[in-house]
Amino acid sequence: MSGADQTAVAMPPPRVTERLIPGLPGLLVLAACICVSLGGVGILVVSHGVLRAPGALLVVAALAMGRGLTPVAPGEARVLQLFGGYAGTLRAPGLRWVNPLTIRARISTRIRNHETPVAKVNDADGNPIEIAAVVVWQVDDTARAVYEVDDLVQFVGIQAETAVRHLANSYPYDANGRQQLSLRDSANEVTTRLSAEIAARAAGAGVRVIESRLTRLAYAPEVAQALLRRQQADAIVAARQRIVEGAVGMVEQALARLDEHDVVVLDDERRAAMVANLLVTLCSDQSMQPVVNVGTLYP
């Protein structure tokens, strides 16, 4: 089993888990705050002496209630903290009202992507390669995203780069005919395991990995020419094998047709010469010049 198969990462267990709170309709609370504040201002205007105190209290109460109004845009959430503890997450879009004493942290729940920088690492065969990937991710647990890591975006970026480097070290760039996964020939399997490893690393921060793809995969410049010549040589050998297999089949078919229709009777020596000539003609890179025999086949 290769190293990339072991995607389990020993991350610490999360201390908090997202808990949704609905909040109150913000428009109703806003209307109540406006009414209370107008009433308090009216009392202050028309009253004298001790009657001003209730008016001032109404204005202060309306302002305090107004602090609990929280607008939530689509694609974001608000994480509430009360007296140092996690109080819940507000995800419902629109204007909502929550406890005015809470501290509300805005966090994006939109789909985001991160492209890792081009890294120069050695593959499983020790060849230096350049590799980079793009990761599509989204916040799935807002409480973990806020309380489990200091900088969520930086954390995801570092974990993605770490996973890409580990992936490059775990597989060869090219299988070279071997029955094993490689970075170049097994793109779907490799990227699936890359996504699994990034997801395992980022799960503690409440992140869900949607997809990951390699955006760059190449040999390092210092070895690119030598390894390209090796690839070309492998391709030439494979092409020659196909040509020889096809030529042998054509020769067998030609001899069988000659024997079937009794076109000519050949002894073993001339049969061997005919096979050699046909193979040379079919396998050669250059066109053959025909030689017309005007004499007899048998001297």
C-alpha atoms as a PDB file:
ATOM      1  CA  MET A   1       0.000   0.000   0.000  1.00  0.00           C
ATOM      2  CA  SER A   2       1.426   3.379  -0.969  1.00  0.00           C
ATOM      3  CA  GLY A   3       1.754   6.307   1.385  1.00  0.00           C
ATOM      4  CA  ALA A   4      -1.050   8.185  -0.338  1.00  0.00           C
ATOM      5  CA  ASP A   5      -3.498   5.439   0.618  1.00  0.00           C
ATOM      6  CA  GLN A   6      -3.044   6.314   4.263  1.00  0.00           C
ATOM      7  CA  THR A   7      -5.007   9.551   4.267  1.00  0.00           C
ATOM      8  CA  ALA A   8      -5.850   9.457   7.978  1.00  0.00           C
ATOM      9  CA  VAL A   9      -4.178  12.378   9.717  1.00  0.00           C
ATOM     10  CA  ALA A  10      -3.773  12.515  13.497  1.00  0.00           C
ATOM     11  CA  MET A  11      -5.542  15.856  14.018  1.00  0.00           C
ATOM     12  CA  PRO A  12      -6.815  16.799  17.507  1.00  0.00           C
ATOM     13  CA  PRO A  13     -10.543  16.266  18.108  1.00  0.00           C
ATOM     14  CA  PRO A  14     -12.660  19.442  17.772  1.00  0.00           C
ATOM     15  CA  ARG A  15     -13.672  21.169  20.979  1.00  0.00           C
ATOM     16  CA  VAL A  16     -16.827  22.814  19.613  1.00  0.00           C
ATOM     17  CA  THR A  17     -19.469  21.902  17.044  1.00  0.00           C
ATOM     18  CA  GLU A  18     -21.796  24.230  15.197  1.00  0.00           C
ATOM     19  CA  ARG A  19     -25.170  24.838  16.845  1.00  0.00           C
ATOM     20  CA  LEU A  20     -27.752  26.785  14.874  1.00  0.00           C
ATOM     21  CA  ILE A  21     -29.948  29.455  16.477  1.00  0.00           C
ATOM     22  CA  PRO A  22     -32.865  31.013  14.620  1.00  0.00           C
ATOM     23  CA  GLY A  23     -32.905  34.485  16.184  1.00  0.00           C
ATOM     24  CA  LEU A  24     -35.957  36.737  16.141  1.00  0.00           C
ATOM     25  CA  PRO A  25     -37.389  38.539  13.114  1.00  0.00           C
ATOM     26  CA  GLY A  26     -35.323  41.667  12.850  1.00  0.00           C
ATOM     27  CA  LEU A  27     -37.931  43.871  11.166  1.00  0.00           C
ATOM     28  CA  LEU A  28     -40.384  43.461  14.041  1.00  0.00           C
ATOM     29  CA  VAL A  29     -37.708  44.254  16.602  1.00  0.00           C
ATOM     30  CA  LEU A  30     -36.589  47.242  14.510  1.00  0.00           C
ATOM     31  CA  ALA A  31     -40.148  48.580  14.408  1.00  0.00           C
ATOM     32  CA  ALA A  32     -40.454  48.109  18.182  1.00  0.00           C
ATOM     33  CA  CYS A  33     -37.162  49.927  18.760  1.00  0.00           C
ATOM     34  CA  ILE A  34     -38.311  52.833  16.622  1.00  0.00           C
ATOM     35  CA  CYS A  35     -41.613  53.083  18.482  1.00  0.00           C
ATOM     36  CA  VAL A  36     -39.943  52.892  21.901  1.00  0.00           C
ATOM     37  CA  SER A  37     -37.325  55.481  20.987  1.00  0.00           C
ATOM     38  CA  LEU A  38     -39.944  57.867  19.575  1.00  0.00           C
ATOM     39  CA  GLY A  39     -41.991  57.451  22.741  1.00  0.00           C
ATOM     40  CA  GLY A  40     -38.970  58.200  24.882  1.00  0.00           C
ATOM     41  CA  VAL A  41     -38.103  61.297  22.847  1.00  0.00           C
ATOM     42  CA  GLY A  42     -41.679  62.489  23.070  1.00  0.00           C
ATOM     43  CA  ILE A  43     -41.645  62.132  26.857  1.00  0.00           C
ATOM     44  CA  LEU A  44     -38.411  64.071  27.037  1.00  0.00           C
ATOM     45  CA  VAL A  45     -39.856  66.862  24.929  1.00  0.00           C
ATOM     46  CA  VAL A  46     -43.199  67.354  26.665  1.00  0.00           C
ATOM     47  CA  SER A  47     -42.322  66.414  30.241  1.00  0.00           C
ATOM     48  CA  HIS A  48     -40.449  68.274  32.981  1.00  0.00           C
ATOM     49  CA  GLY A  49     -38.528  67.266  36.081  1.00  0.00           C
ATOM     50  CA  VAL A  50     -38.672  63.652  37.213  1.00  0.00           C
ATOM     51  CA  LEU A  51     -40.732  62.594  34.187  1.00  0.00           C
ATOM     52  CA  ARG A  52     -37.661  62.990  32.007  1.00  0.00           C
ATOM     53  CA  ALA A  53     -36.031  59.928  33.593  1.00  0.00           C
ATOM     54  CA  PRO A  54     -38.490  57.374  32.120  1.00  0.00           C
ATOM     55  CA  GLY A  55     -38.137  59.000  28.703  1.00  0.00           C
ATOM     56  CA  ALA A  56     -34.358  58.738  28.868  1.00  0.00           C
ATOM     57  CA  LEU A  57     -34.622  55.090  29.971  1.00  0.00           C
ATOM     58  CA  LEU A  58     -36.860  54.290  26.986  1.00  0.00           C
ATOM     59  CA  VAL A  59     -34.374  55.839  24.573  1.00  0.00           C
ATOM     60  CA  VAL A  60     -31.476  53.934  26.149  1.00  0.00           C
ATOM     61  CA  ALA A  61     -33.492  50.673  26.072  1.00  0.00           C
ATOM     62  CA  ALA A  62     -34.339  51.163  22.389  1.00  0.00           C
ATOM     63  CA  LEU A  63     -30.668  51.757  21.553  1.00  0.00           C
ATOM     64  CA  ALA A  64     -29.646  48.690  23.558  1.00  0.00           C
ATOM     65  CA  MET A  65     -32.218  46.538  21.810  1.00  0.00           C
ATOM     66  CA  GLY A  66     -31.057  47.905  18.453  1.00  0.00           C
ATOM     67  CA  ARG A  67     -27.566  46.551  19.085  1.00  0.00           C
ATOM     68  CA  GLY A  68     -28.998  43.059  18.769  1.00  0.00           C
ATOM     69  CA  LEU A  69     -30.087  43.618  15.165  1.00  0.00           C
ATOM     70  CA  THR A  70     -27.838  41.519  12.941  1.00  0.00           C
ATOM     71  CA  PRO A  71     -27.973  41.526   9.133  1.00  0.00           C
ATOM     72  CA  VAL A  72     -26.945  38.210   7.552  1.00  0.00           C
ATOM     73  CA  ALA A  73     -26.209  38.188   3.830  1.00  0.00           C
ATOM     74  CA  PRO A  74     -26.613  35.063   1.678  1.00  0.00           C
ATOM     75  CA  GLY A  75     -23.408  33.059   1.664  1.00  0.00           C
ATOM     76  CA  GLU A  76     -22.294  34.083   5.133  1.00  0.00           C
ATOM     77  CA  ALA A  77     -23.023  33.291   8.771  1.00  0.00           C
ATOM     78  CA  ARG A  78     -22.554  34.928  12.151  1.00  0.00           C
ATOM     79  CA  VAL A  79     -20.869  33.073  14.997  1.00  0.00           C
ATOM     80  CA  LEU A  80     -22.116  34.326  18.375  1.00  0.00           C
ATOM     81  CA  GLN A  81     -20.007  34.452  21.523  1.00  0.00           C
ATOM     82  CA  LEU A  82     -21.440  35.295  24.930  1.00  0.00           C
ATOM     83  CA  PHE A  83     -19.196  35.906  27.928  1.00  0.00           C
ATOM     84  CA  GLY A  84     -16.322  34.000  26.342  1.00  0.00           C
ATOM     85  CA  GLY A  85     -18.357  30.938  25.338  1.00  0.00           C
ATOM     86  CA  TYR A  86     -19.796  29.802  22.040  1.00  0.00           C
ATOM     87  CA  ALA A  87     -23.482  30.758  21.926  1.00  0.00           C
ATOM     88  CA  GLY A  88     -24.491  29.476  18.485  1.00  0.00           C
ATOM     89  CA  THR A  89     -24.429  30.274  14.780  1.00  0.00           C
ATOM     90  CA  LEU A  90     -26.863  32.429  12.865  1.00  0.00           C
ATOM     91  CA  ARG A  91     -27.224  31.257   9.253  1.00  0.00           C
ATOM     92  CA  ALA A  92     -30.728  32.456   8.293  1.00  0.00           C
ATOM     93  CA  PRO A  93     -30.326  35.308   5.783  1.00  0.00           C
ATOM     94  CA  GLY A  94     -31.986  38.648   6.371  1.00  0.00           C
ATOM     95  CA  LEU A  95     -32.265  40.914   9.384  1.00  0.00           C
ATOM     96  CA  ARG A  96     -32.371  38.926  12.631  1.00  0.00           C
ATOM     97  CA  TRP A  97     -32.252  39.902  16.272  1.00  0.00           C
ATOM     98  CA  VAL A  98     -30.103  38.166  18.876  1.00  0.00           C
ATOM     99  CA  ASN A  99     -28.899  38.899  22.377  1.00  0.00           C
ATOM    100  CA  PRO A 100     -27.294  42.385  22.255  1.00  0.00           C
ATOM    101  CA  LEU A 101     -24.534  41.249  24.632  1.00  0.00           C
ATOM    102  CA  THR A 102     -23.135  38.706  22.192  1.00  0.00           C
ATOM    103  CA  ILE A 103     -20.062  39.247  20.038  1.00  0.00           C
ATOM    104  CA  ARG A 104     -20.866  38.342  16.431  1.00  0.00           C
ATOM    105  CA  ALA A 105     -18.094  37.198  14.101  1.00  0.00           C
ATOM    106  CA  ARG A 106     -18.828  37.214  10.371  1.00  0.00           C
ATOM    107  CA  ILE A 107     -17.636  34.176   8.405  1.00  0.00           C
ATOM    108  CA  SER A 108     -18.111  33.333   4.749  1.00  0.00           C
ATOM    109  CA  THR A 109     -19.821  30.086   3.791  1.00  0.00           C
ATOM    110  CA  ARG A 110     -19.327  30.620   0.054  1.00  0.00           C
ATOM    111  CA  ILE A 111     -17.449  28.163  -2.148  1.00  0.00           C
ATOM    112  CA  ARG A 112     -13.813  29.177  -2.384  1.00  0.00           C
ATOM    113  CA  ASN A 113     -10.758  27.870  -4.171  1.00  0.00           C
ATOM    114  CA  HIS A 114      -7.091  27.851  -3.332  1.00  0.00           C
ATOM    115  CA  GLU A 115      -4.265  27.260  -5.786  1.00  0.00           C
ATOM    116  CA  THR A 116      -1.070  25.981  -4.276  1.00  0.00           C
ATOM    117  CA  PRO A 117       2.237  27.468  -5.453  1.00  0.00           C
ATOM    118  CA  VAL A 118       4.360  25.401  -7.808  1.00  0.00           C
ATOM    119  CA  ALA A 119       6.450  23.103  -5.632  1.00  0.00           C
ATOM    120  CA  LYS A 120       9.613  21.303  -6.700  1.00  0.00           C
ATOM    121  CA  VAL A 121       9.705  17.871  -5.027  1.00  0.00           C
ATOM    122  CA  ASN A 122      10.962  14.370  -5.742  1.00  0.00           C
ATOM    123  CA  ASP A 123       8.510  11.718  -6.873  1.00  0.00           C
ATOM    124  CA  ALA A 124       8.538   8.127  -5.611  1.00  0.00           C
ATOM    125  CA  ASP A 125      11.367   7.278  -8.051  1.00  0.00           C
ATOM    126  CA  GLY A 126      13.495  10.192  -6.858  1.00  0.00           C
ATOM    127  CA  ASN A 127      13.010  12.307  -9.973  1.00  0.00           C
ATOM    128  CA  PRO A 128      12.571  16.051  -9.360  1.00  0.00           C
ATOM    129  CA  ILE A 129       9.184  17.288 -10.570  1.00  0.00           C
ATOM    130  CA  GLU A 130       7.148  20.482 -10.424  1.00  0.00           C
ATOM    131  CA  ILE A 131       3.604  20.104  -9.138  1.00  0.00           C
ATOM    132  CA  ALA A 132       0.709  22.368  -8.159  1.00  0.00           C
ATOM    133  CA  ALA A 133      -2.999  21.900  -7.487  1.00  0.00           C
ATOM    134  CA  VAL A 134      -6.222  23.831  -7.026  1.00  0.00           C
ATOM    135  CA  VAL A 135      -8.554  22.976  -4.143  1.00  0.00           C
ATOM    136  CA  VAL A 136     -12.251  23.878  -4.065  1.00  0.00           C
ATOM    137  CA  TRP A 137     -13.503  24.118  -0.488  1.00  0.00           C
ATOM    138  CA  GLN A 138     -16.281  25.488   1.693  1.00  0.00           C
ATOM    139  CA  VAL A 139     -16.852  26.107   5.392  1.00  0.00           C
ATOM    140  CA  ASP A 140     -19.121  23.369   6.701  1.00  0.00           C
ATOM    141  CA  ASP A 141     -18.872  23.967  10.471  1.00  0.00           C
ATOM    142  CA  THR A 142     -18.611  27.648  11.361  1.00  0.00           C
ATOM    143  CA  ALA A 143     -17.841  27.042  15.026  1.00  0.00           C
ATOM    144  CA  ARG A 144     -14.771  24.960  14.210  1.00  0.00           C
ATOM    145  CA  ALA A 145     -13.674  27.426  11.541  1.00  0.00           C
ATOM    146  CA  VAL A 146     -13.651  30.261  14.107  1.00  0.00           C
ATOM    147  CA  TYR A 147     -12.440  28.535  17.265  1.00  0.00           C
ATOM    148  CA  GLU A 148     -10.188  25.689  16.103  1.00  0.00           C
ATOM    149  CA  VAL A 149      -7.692  27.663  13.962  1.00  0.00           C
ATOM    150  CA  ASP A 150      -6.224  31.155  14.053  1.00  0.00           C
ATOM    151  CA  ASP A 151      -6.363  31.917  10.318  1.00  0.00           C
ATOM    152  CA  LEU A 152      -8.690  29.670   8.354  1.00  0.00           C
ATOM    153  CA  VAL A 153      -7.528  30.622   4.840  1.00  0.00           C
ATOM    154  CA  GLN A 154      -3.866  30.269   5.754  1.00  0.00           C
ATOM    155  CA  PHE A 155      -4.545  26.939   7.455  1.00  0.00           C
ATOM    156  CA  VAL A 156      -6.298  25.505   4.386  1.00  0.00           C
ATOM    157  CA  GLY A 157      -3.482  26.754   2.124  1.00  0.00           C
ATOM    158  CA  ILE A 158      -0.735  25.154   4.201  1.00  0.00           C
ATOM    159  CA  GLN A 159      -2.593  21.855   4.556  1.00  0.00           C
ATOM    160  CA  ALA A 160      -3.286  21.741   0.807  1.00  0.00           C
ATOM    161  CA  GLU A 161       0.383  22.337  -0.012  1.00  0.00           C
ATOM    162  CA  THR A 162       1.441  19.678   2.499  1.00  0.00           C
ATOM    163  CA  ALA A 163      -0.937  17.159   0.949  1.00  0.00           C
ATOM    164  CA  VAL A 164       0.309  17.957  -2.565  1.00  0.00           C
ATOM    165  CA  ARG A 165       3.927  17.395  -1.508  1.00  0.00           C
ATOM    166  CA  HIS A 166       3.016  14.125   0.189  1.00  0.00           C
ATOM    167  CA  LEU A 167       1.157  13.002  -2.921  1.00  0.00           C
ATOM    168  CA  ALA A 168       4.150  13.758  -5.141  1.00  0.00           C
ATOM    169  CA  ASN A 169       6.464  11.761  -2.849  1.00  0.00           C
ATOM    170  CA  SER A 170       4.091   8.782  -2.831  1.00  0.00           C
ATOM    171  CA  TYR A 171       3.718   8.114  -6.579  1.00  0.00           C
ATOM    172  CA  PRO A 172       6.097   8.027  -9.557  1.00  0.00           C
ATOM    173  CA  TYR A 173       5.628  10.584 -12.279  1.00  0.00           C
ATOM    174  CA  ASP A 174       5.321   7.875 -14.917  1.00  0.00           C
ATOM    175  CA  ALA A 175       4.626   4.158 -14.429  1.00  0.00           C
ATOM    176  CA  ASN A 176       6.937   3.219 -17.356  1.00  0.00           C
ATOM    177  CA  GLY A 177       4.991   0.060 -18.072  1.00  0.00           C
ATOM    178  CA  ARG A 178       4.711  -1.005 -14.452  1.00  0.00           C
ATOM    179  CA  GLN A 179       1.323  -2.009 -13.068  1.00  0.00           C
ATOM    180  CA  GLN A 180       0.989   0.791 -10.533  1.00  0.00           C
ATOM    181  CA  LEU A 181      -0.561   4.211 -10.135  1.00  0.00           C
ATOM    182  CA  SER A 182       1.368   7.212 -11.417  1.00  0.00           C
ATOM    183  CA  LEU A 183       0.866  10.954 -11.306  1.00  0.00           C
ATOM    184  CA  ARG A 184       0.617  11.306 -15.075  1.00  0.00           C
ATOM    185  CA  ASP A 185      -1.351   8.194 -16.048  1.00  0.00           C
ATOM    186  CA  SER A 186      -3.757   7.898 -13.080  1.00  0.00           C
ATOM    187  CA  ALA A 187      -5.091  11.437 -12.754  1.00  0.00           C
ATOM    188  CA  ASN A 188      -8.553  10.504 -11.449  1.00  0.00           C
ATOM    189  CA  GLU A 189      -7.310   8.110  -8.776  1.00  0.00           C
ATOM    190  CA  VAL A 190      -4.524  10.450  -7.691  1.00  0.00           C
ATOM    191  CA  THR A 191      -6.751  13.531  -7.384  1.00  0.00           C
ATOM    192  CA  THR A 192      -9.367  11.521  -5.487  1.00  0.00           C
ATOM    193  CA  ARG A 193      -6.758  10.559  -2.910  1.00  0.00           C
ATOM    194  CA  LEU A 194      -5.476  14.127  -2.822  1.00  0.00           C
ATOM    195  CA  SER A 195      -8.991  15.362  -2.001  1.00  0.00           C
ATOM    196  CA  ALA A 196      -9.327  12.707   0.706  1.00  0.00           C
ATOM    197  CA  GLU A 197      -6.068  13.702   2.369  1.00  0.00           C
ATOM    198  CA  ILE A 198      -6.823  17.436   2.294  1.00  0.00           C
ATOM    199  CA  ALA A 199     -10.305  16.736   3.688  1.00  0.00           C
ATOM    200  CA  ALA A 200      -8.798  14.690   6.520  1.00  0.00           C
ATOM    201  CA  ARG A 201      -6.341  17.468   7.338  1.00  0.00           C
ATOM    202  CA  ALA A 202      -8.909  20.276   7.206  1.00  0.00           C
ATOM    203  CA  ALA A 203     -11.875  18.493   8.817  1.00  0.00           C
ATOM    204  CA  GLY A 204     -10.897  19.728  12.276  1.00  0.00           C
ATOM    205  CA  ALA A 205     -11.302  23.306  11.049  1.00  0.00           C
ATOM    206  CA  GLY A 206     -14.835  22.673   9.790  1.00  0.00           C
ATOM    207  CA  VAL A 207     -13.828  22.678   6.116  1.00  0.00           C
ATOM    208  CA  ARG A 208     -15.397  20.480   3.445  1.00  0.00           C
ATOM    209  CA  VAL A 209     -13.258  19.772   0.382  1.00  0.00           C
ATOM    210  CA  ILE A 210     -15.422  19.714  -2.742  1.00  0.00           C
ATOM    211  CA  GLU A 211     -12.779  18.877  -5.331  1.00  0.00           C
ATOM    212  CA  SER A 212      -9.068  19.095  -6.033  1.00  0.00           C
ATOM    213  CA  ARG A 213      -7.199  18.931  -9.338  1.00  0.00           C
ATOM    214  CA  LEU A 214      -3.575  19.068 -10.381  1.00  0.00           C
ATOM    215  CA  THR A 215      -2.920  22.258 -12.347  1.00  0.00           C
ATOM    216  CA  ARG A 216       0.756  21.653 -13.099  1.00  0.00           C
ATOM    217  CA  LEU A 217       2.727  18.435 -13.412  1.00  0.00           C
ATOM    218  CA  ALA A 218       6.077  18.364 -15.159  1.00  0.00           C
ATOM    219  CA  TYR A 219       9.636  17.245 -14.723  1.00  0.00           C
ATOM    220  CA  ALA A 220      11.983  19.837 -13.285  1.00  0.00           C
ATOM    221  CA  PRO A 221      13.884  21.756 -16.007  1.00  0.00           C
ATOM    222  CA  GLU A 222      17.268  20.247 -15.078  1.00  0.00           C
ATOM    223  CA  VAL A 223      16.097  16.699 -15.890  1.00  0.00           C
ATOM    224  CA  ALA A 224      13.296  17.393 -18.347  1.00  0.00           C
ATOM    225  CA  GLN A 225      15.364  16.830 -21.515  1.00  0.00           C
ATOM    226  CA  ALA A 226      16.919  13.564 -20.341  1.00  0.00           C
ATOM    227  CA  LEU A 227      13.604  12.137 -19.175  1.00  0.00           C
ATOM    228  CA  LEU A 228      11.905  13.327 -22.355  1.00  0.00           C
ATOM    229  CA  ARG A 229      14.423  11.345 -24.402  1.00  0.00           C
ATOM    230  CA  ARG A 230      13.652   8.311 -22.257  1.00  0.00           C
ATOM    231  CA  GLN A 231       9.939   8.743 -22.892  1.00  0.00           C
ATOM    232  CA  GLN A 232      10.583   9.069 -26.602  1.00  0.00           C
ATOM    233  CA  ALA A 233      12.703   5.919 -26.567  1.00  0.00           C
ATOM    234  CA  ASP A 234       9.945   4.036 -24.731  1.00  0.00           C
ATOM    235  CA  ALA A 235       7.432   5.261 -27.310  1.00  0.00           C
ATOM    236  CA  ILE A 236       9.667   4.140 -30.181  1.00  0.00           C
ATOM    237  CA  VAL A 237      10.114   0.693 -28.632  1.00  0.00           C
ATOM    238  CA  ALA A 238       6.364   0.346 -28.116  1.00  0.00           C
ATOM    239  CA  ALA A 239       5.711   1.414 -31.711  1.00  0.00           C
ATOM    240  CA  ARG A 240       8.275  -1.081 -33.014  1.00  0.00           C
ATOM    241  CA  GLN A 241       6.633  -3.859 -31.053  1.00  0.00           C
ATOM    242  CA  ARG A 242       3.288  -3.056 -32.636  1.00  0.00           C
ATOM    243  CA  ILE A 243       4.854  -2.938 -36.107  1.00  0.00           C
ATOM    244  CA  VAL A 244       6.592  -6.289 -35.632  1.00  0.00           C
ATOM    245  CA  GLU A 245       3.422  -7.924 -34.321  1.00  0.00           C
ATOM    246  CA  GLY A 246       1.476  -6.607 -37.295  1.00  0.00           C
ATOM    247  CA  ALA A 247       4.167  -7.645 -39.756  1.00  0.00           C
ATOM    248  CA  VAL A 248       4.316 -11.197 -38.404  1.00  0.00           C
ATOM    249  CA  GLY A 249       0.554 -11.472 -38.721  1.00  0.00           C
ATOM    250  CA  MET A 250       0.653 -10.230 -42.319  1.00  0.00           C
ATOM    251  CA  VAL A 251       3.416 -12.686 -43.236  1.00  0.00           C
ATOM    252  CA  GLU A 252       1.499 -15.581 -41.692  1.00  0.00           C
ATOM    253  CA  GLN A 253      -1.595 -14.556 -43.618  1.00  0.00           C
ATOM    254  CA  ALA A 254       0.347 -14.239 -46.892  1.00  0.00           C
ATOM    255  CA  LEU A 255       1.917 -17.694 -46.538  1.00  0.00           C
ATOM    256  CA  ALA A 256      -1.428 -19.219 -45.634  1.00  0.00           C
ATOM    257  CA  ARG A 257      -3.078 -17.697 -48.704  1.00  0.00           C
ATOM    258  CA  LEU A 258      -0.275 -18.927 -50.970  1.00  0.00           C
ATOM    259  CA  ASP A 259      -0.595 -22.450 -49.604  1.00  0.00           C
ATOM    260  CA  GLU A 260      -4.392 -22.332 -49.797  1.00  0.00           C
ATOM    261  CA  HIS A 261      -4.540 -21.337 -53.469  1.00  0.00           C
ATOM    262  CA  ASP A 262      -1.428 -23.312 -54.574  1.00  0.00           C
ATOM    263  CA  VAL A 263       0.042 -20.196 -56.165  1.00  0.00           C
ATOM    264  CA  VAL A 264       3.617 -21.364 -55.690  1.00  0.00           C
ATOM    265  CA  VAL A 265       5.332 -24.210 -53.877  1.00  0.00           C
ATOM    266  CA  LEU A 266       8.239 -23.105 -51.669  1.00  0.00           C
ATOM    267  CA  ASP A 267      10.731 -25.258 -49.882  1.00  0.00           C
ATOM    268  CA  ASP A 268      11.843 -24.389 -46.365  1.00  0.00           C
ATOM    269  CA  GLU A 269      14.878 -22.367 -47.492  1.00  0.00           C
ATOM    270  CA  ARG A 270      12.951 -20.152 -49.905  1.00  0.00           C
ATOM    271  CA  ARG A 271      10.063 -19.863 -47.475  1.00  0.00           C
ATOM    272  CA  ALA A 272      12.521 -18.529 -44.908  1.00  0.00           C
ATOM    273  CA  ALA A 273      13.963 -16.087 -47.457  1.00  0.00           C
ATOM    274  CA  MET A 274      10.479 -14.867 -48.344  1.00  0.00           C
ATOM    275  CA  VAL A 275       9.612 -14.374 -44.682  1.00  0.00           C
ATOM    276  CA  ALA A 276      12.818 -12.414 -44.131  1.00  0.00           C
ATOM    277  CA  ASN A 277      12.181 -10.183 -47.149  1.00  0.00           C
ATOM    278  CA  LEU A 278       8.596  -9.507 -46.125  1.00  0.00           C
ATOM    279  CA  LEU A 279       9.584  -8.662 -42.556  1.00  0.00           C
ATOM    280  CA  VAL A 280      12.316  -6.298 -43.748  1.00  0.00           C
ATOM    281  CA  THR A 281       9.870  -4.611 -46.096  1.00  0.00           C
ATOM    282  CA  LEU A 282       7.092  -4.239 -43.539  1.00  0.00           C
ATOM    283  CA  CYS A 283       9.272  -3.206 -40.585  1.00  0.00           C
ATOM    284  CA  SER A 284      11.607  -0.818 -42.389  1.00  0.00           C
ATOM    285  CA  ASP A 285      11.372   2.958 -41.879  1.00  0.00           C
ATOM    286  CA  GLN A 286      12.306   3.586 -45.536  1.00  0.00           C
ATOM    287  CA  SER A 287      10.503   2.564 -48.688  1.00  0.00           C
ATOM    288  CA  MET A 288      11.876  -0.531 -50.399  1.00  0.00           C
ATOM    289  CA  GLN A 289      13.055  -0.608 -54.026  1.00  0.00           C
ATOM    290  CA  PRO A 290      11.395  -3.509 -55.871  1.00  0.00           C
ATOM    291  CA  VAL A 291      13.645  -5.967 -57.693  1.00  0.00           C
ATOM    292  CA  VAL A 292      12.104  -7.727 -60.679  1.00  0.00           C
ATOM    293  CA  ASN A 293      13.364 -11.275 -61.148  1.00  0.00           C
ATOM    294  CA  VAL A 294      13.199 -12.073 -64.870  1.00  0.00           C
ATOM    295  CA  GLY A 295      14.835 -15.450 -64.465  1.00  0.00           C
ATOM    296  CA  THR A 296      13.636 -18.620 -62.906  1.00  0.00           C
ATOM    297  CA  LEU A 297      12.958 -18.947 -59.230  1.00  0.00           C
ATOM    298  CA  TYR A 298      15.020 -22.111 -59.029  1.00  0.00           C
ATOM    299  CA  PRO A 299      18.503 -21.984 -60.610  1.00  0.00           C
END
